[in-house]
Amino acid sequence: MLTRLGCLLTLGGLASPVIWADQLIVARNNGSITATAKLNFNIAISKFVLLRVGNANATQSSVTFTLAVNPAVAGTPGNSLAYSGSAVPAGLVTTVATTNPTSSAGVLNVSAFSNVTGTTLTCSLTILGTDTPFATGTTAAGVPGQADIKVASLAGGVQHPGTDLSACNGSTSTALTSLSTLTGSFTYSTAYSASALKAGNYGNIVTYTATTP
């Protein structure tokens, strides 16, 4: 005799199934008998992505380029100081400062992780306070350009979308290998001509975005 059990209740004319565990009863007077029961076993894993630009457990990082006369003239800003060299200062030089961390000027640590194949990294530019945004492309009318801010990526680590900030338009991306803790660094440098820039404050907020399919 081979019987599989099930049950159906009817309440108010509406059929409502009652869920039972899978069960099989086998009865026989001779020979080997076998009973089987099925179980649905499932592991649910959510999509996960992590991205960090800067130091761990720190506030938002900043990279600042400051132009000053070269060679530097010491003294209180605003004072007119005699220059003791054989000629006037040769021009302007860029000094790079970084916060979070402060140890390596222009260099930020980067890390990423994703458990989804096809995860990509992009970047975009938005307004930074009252600063004048970088010009599109290279320097224009005395305003430093997005293409003048170069970014180098550490080989084998997280790769920056493009080699300068002009690629931060959402259309340029790099791949983030899944199931691998990726580390690296982004090094920011300048390609503009200091003598072609007008006085002022220029900048953008650079937003990096890791996106899974």
Protein backbone atom coordinates (compact mmCIF):
# COMPACT_ATOMS: atom_id res chain seq x y z
CA MET A 1 0.00 0.00 0.00
CA LEU A 2 1.37 3.43 -1.00
CA THR A 3 -0.34 6.54 0.38
CA ARG A 4 0.68 10.25 0.12
CA LEU A 5 -1.05 12.48 2.66
CA GLY A 6 -2.64 15.84 2.00
CA CYS A 7 -5.52 17.93 3.29
CA LEU A 8 -7.90 20.61 2.02
CA LEU A 9 -10.30 22.63 4.16
CA THR A 10 -13.37 24.38 2.80
CA LEU A 11 -14.52 27.41 4.75
CA GLY A 12 -17.52 29.43 3.65
CA GLY A 13 -17.31 27.95 0.17
CA LEU A 14 -13.68 29.10 -0.27
CA ALA A 15 -10.94 26.50 -0.51
CA SER A 16 -7.93 27.24 1.75
CA PRO A 17 -4.95 24.93 1.43
CA VAL A 18 -3.26 23.74 4.62
CA ILE A 19 0.47 23.35 4.22
CA TRP A 20 1.90 20.04 5.40
CA ALA A 21 5.43 18.77 5.59
CA ASP A 22 6.26 16.37 2.76
CA GLN A 23 5.37 12.89 4.00
CA LEU A 24 5.26 9.41 2.55
CA ILE A 25 3.94 6.27 4.28
CA VAL A 26 4.93 2.93 2.85
CA ALA A 27 3.54 -0.40 4.08
CA ARG A 28 4.45 -3.83 2.65
CA ASN A 29 4.66 -7.33 4.06
CA ASN A 30 7.91 -8.34 2.37
CA GLY A 31 10.95 -6.94 0.63
CA SER A 32 12.83 -3.73 1.25
CA ILE A 33 10.77 -0.58 1.64
CA THR A 34 11.78 3.09 1.46
CA ALA A 35 10.12 6.28 2.63
CA THR A 36 11.23 9.70 1.33
CA ALA A 37 10.46 13.27 2.37
CA LYS A 38 11.53 16.46 0.60
CA LEU A 39 12.71 19.69 2.20
CA ASN A 40 13.19 23.05 0.49
CA PHE A 41 16.44 24.55 1.80
CA ASN A 42 17.31 28.10 0.75
CA ILE A 43 20.05 30.62 1.57
CA ALA A 44 19.07 34.24 0.85
CA ILE A 45 22.02 36.64 0.40
CA SER A 46 21.35 40.33 -0.13
CA LYS A 47 23.33 42.39 -2.60
CA PHE A 48 26.16 44.20 -0.84
CA VAL A 49 28.54 46.94 -1.93
CA LEU A 50 31.10 48.99 0.03
CA LEU A 51 33.11 51.99 -1.14
CA ARG A 52 35.49 54.20 0.81
CA VAL A 53 37.66 57.07 -0.43
CA GLY A 54 39.90 58.38 2.35
CA ASN A 55 40.87 57.07 5.76
CA ALA A 56 38.84 54.59 7.77
CA ASN A 57 36.64 55.99 10.54
CA ALA A 58 37.29 59.56 9.42
CA THR A 59 35.21 62.43 8.13
CA GLN A 60 35.00 63.37 4.47
CA SER A 61 38.40 63.80 2.83
CA SER A 62 39.63 66.95 1.08
CA VAL A 63 42.41 67.68 -1.40
CA THR A 64 43.49 71.32 -1.64
CA PHE A 65 45.84 72.94 -4.17
CA THR A 66 47.26 76.31 -3.11
CA LEU A 67 49.26 78.57 -5.47
CA ALA A 68 51.91 80.89 -4.07
CA VAL A 69 54.95 82.79 -5.36
CA ASN A 70 58.04 80.78 -6.10
CA PRO A 71 60.37 80.95 -4.29
CA ALA A 72 58.24 81.60 -1.21
CA VAL A 73 58.42 84.99 0.47
CA ALA A 74 58.16 84.75 4.25
CA GLY A 75 56.23 87.26 6.27
CA THR A 76 52.75 88.37 7.17
CA PRO A 77 50.33 88.19 4.22
CA GLY A 78 49.70 91.64 2.81
CA ASN A 79 53.13 93.00 3.62
CA SER A 80 55.39 94.21 0.85
CA LEU A 81 58.69 92.43 1.37
CA ALA A 82 61.96 92.98 -0.43
CA TYR A 83 63.15 90.02 -2.49
CA SER A 84 66.85 89.46 -1.97
CA GLY A 85 67.46 87.33 -5.07
CA SER A 86 68.87 88.51 -8.37
CA ALA A 87 65.41 88.62 -9.97
CA VAL A 88 61.77 88.78 -9.04
CA PRO A 89 60.07 85.49 -8.05
CA ALA A 90 60.03 83.12 -11.00
CA GLY A 91 56.31 82.46 -10.83
CA LEU A 92 53.70 80.48 -8.95
CA VAL A 93 54.01 77.00 -7.51
CA THR A 94 51.26 74.63 -6.38
CA THR A 95 51.30 73.22 -2.86
CA VAL A 96 49.12 70.17 -2.23
CA ALA A 97 47.43 69.46 1.12
CA THR A 98 45.19 66.55 2.04
CA THR A 99 42.89 65.97 5.03
CA ASN A 100 41.90 62.47 6.12
CA PRO A 101 44.67 61.55 5.80
CA THR A 102 47.16 64.38 6.17
CA SER A 103 50.28 62.22 5.82
CA SER A 104 50.43 61.97 2.02
CA ALA A 105 49.70 65.15 0.08
CA GLY A 106 47.27 64.51 -2.76
CA VAL A 107 46.97 60.77 -2.03
CA LEU A 108 43.78 59.13 -0.75
CA ASN A 109 43.37 55.48 0.20
CA VAL A 110 40.53 53.68 -1.57
CA SER A 111 38.77 50.39 -0.80
CA ALA A 112 35.75 48.58 -2.22
CA PHE A 113 33.90 45.29 -1.97
CA SER A 114 30.87 43.85 -3.72
CA ASN A 115 29.22 40.45 -3.92
CA VAL A 116 27.58 41.23 -7.27
CA THR A 117 29.20 40.53 -10.62
CA GLY A 118 29.21 43.56 -12.90
CA THR A 119 29.58 46.24 -10.18
CA THR A 120 31.03 49.47 -11.60
CA LEU A 121 32.57 52.68 -10.24
CA THR A 122 31.67 56.11 -11.64
CA CYS A 123 32.14 59.69 -10.45
CA SER A 124 30.32 63.00 -10.79
CA LEU A 125 30.96 66.67 -10.00
CA THR A 126 28.69 69.03 -8.08
CA ILE A 127 29.02 72.56 -6.68
CA LEU A 128 31.32 73.05 -3.67
CA GLY A 129 29.96 75.88 -1.52
CA THR A 130 30.63 79.26 -3.12
CA ASP A 131 33.63 78.03 -5.16
CA THR A 132 33.66 78.57 -8.90
CA PRO A 133 33.26 75.14 -10.55
CA PHE A 134 36.10 73.82 -12.68
CA ALA A 135 35.77 74.65 -16.36
CA THR A 136 34.77 71.88 -18.74
CA GLY A 137 37.90 70.49 -20.37
CA THR A 138 41.13 72.42 -19.75
CA THR A 139 41.73 75.92 -18.35
CA ALA A 140 39.34 78.49 -19.82
CA ALA A 141 39.31 82.27 -19.16
CA GLY A 142 41.54 81.87 -16.14
CA VAL A 143 39.44 79.09 -14.56
CA PRO A 144 41.20 75.73 -14.03
CA GLY A 145 39.58 72.91 -15.96
CA GLN A 146 38.35 69.47 -15.01
CA ALA A 147 40.93 67.93 -17.34
CA ASP A 148 43.67 69.84 -15.48
CA ILE A 149 43.10 67.72 -12.35
CA LYS A 150 44.84 64.43 -13.01
CA VAL A 151 44.15 61.24 -11.04
CA ALA A 152 46.48 58.23 -10.97
CA SER A 153 45.37 54.85 -9.60
CA LEU A 154 47.53 52.31 -7.79
CA ALA A 155 48.12 49.34 -10.09
CA GLY A 156 46.11 46.27 -9.15
CA GLY A 157 43.73 48.17 -6.90
CA VAL A 158 40.55 50.18 -7.37
CA GLN A 159 40.89 52.05 -10.66
CA HIS A 160 39.69 55.64 -10.99
CA PRO A 161 37.04 56.28 -13.67
CA GLY A 162 39.29 57.98 -16.21
CA THR A 163 42.62 59.70 -15.65
CA ASP A 164 41.28 63.17 -14.79
CA LEU A 165 38.12 64.78 -13.41
CA SER A 166 36.68 65.45 -16.88
CA ALA A 167 35.72 61.75 -16.82
CA CYS A 168 33.43 62.41 -13.83
CA ASN A 169 30.35 62.76 -15.98
CA GLY A 170 28.69 59.43 -15.19
CA SER A 171 29.50 57.89 -18.58
CA THR A 172 33.00 56.64 -17.72
CA SER A 173 33.27 53.66 -15.39
CA THR A 174 35.68 51.04 -14.12
CA ALA A 175 34.86 47.50 -13.01
CA LEU A 176 34.93 46.37 -9.39
CA THR A 177 35.72 42.66 -9.21
CA SER A 178 33.16 40.84 -7.08
CA LEU A 179 33.99 38.77 -4.00
CA SER A 180 37.37 40.44 -3.67
CA THR A 181 38.37 43.09 -1.12
CA LEU A 182 39.87 45.77 -3.34
CA THR A 183 42.28 48.40 -2.02
CA GLY A 184 44.44 51.04 -3.64
CA SER A 185 44.87 54.79 -3.81
CA PHE A 186 44.00 57.80 -5.93
CA THR A 187 46.77 60.39 -6.41
CA TYR A 188 45.62 63.85 -7.49
CA SER A 189 47.95 66.25 -9.32
CA THR A 190 47.72 69.30 -11.58
CA ALA A 191 48.36 69.84 -15.27
CA TYR A 192 47.42 73.51 -15.55
CA SER A 193 49.77 76.44 -16.10
CA ALA A 194 49.76 78.44 -12.87
CA SER A 195 50.36 81.72 -14.71
CA ALA A 196 47.15 81.17 -16.72
CA LEU A 197 44.88 81.15 -13.68
CA LYS A 198 42.99 84.11 -12.20
CA ALA A 199 42.84 84.67 -8.45
CA GLY A 200 39.87 83.02 -6.79
CA ASN A 201 38.56 79.85 -5.20
CA TYR A 202 37.77 76.99 -7.57
CA GLY A 203 36.47 73.54 -6.78
CA ASN A 204 33.87 70.81 -7.01
CA ILE A 205 32.58 68.02 -4.81
CA VAL A 206 33.63 64.73 -6.41
CA THR A 207 31.12 61.97 -5.70
CA TYR A 208 32.19 58.38 -6.36
CA THR A 209 29.43 55.83 -6.87
CA ALA A 210 29.67 52.04 -6.89
CA THR A 211 26.64 50.53 -8.65
CA THR A 212 25.52 46.92 -8.87
CA PRO A 213 23.36 45.50 -11.70
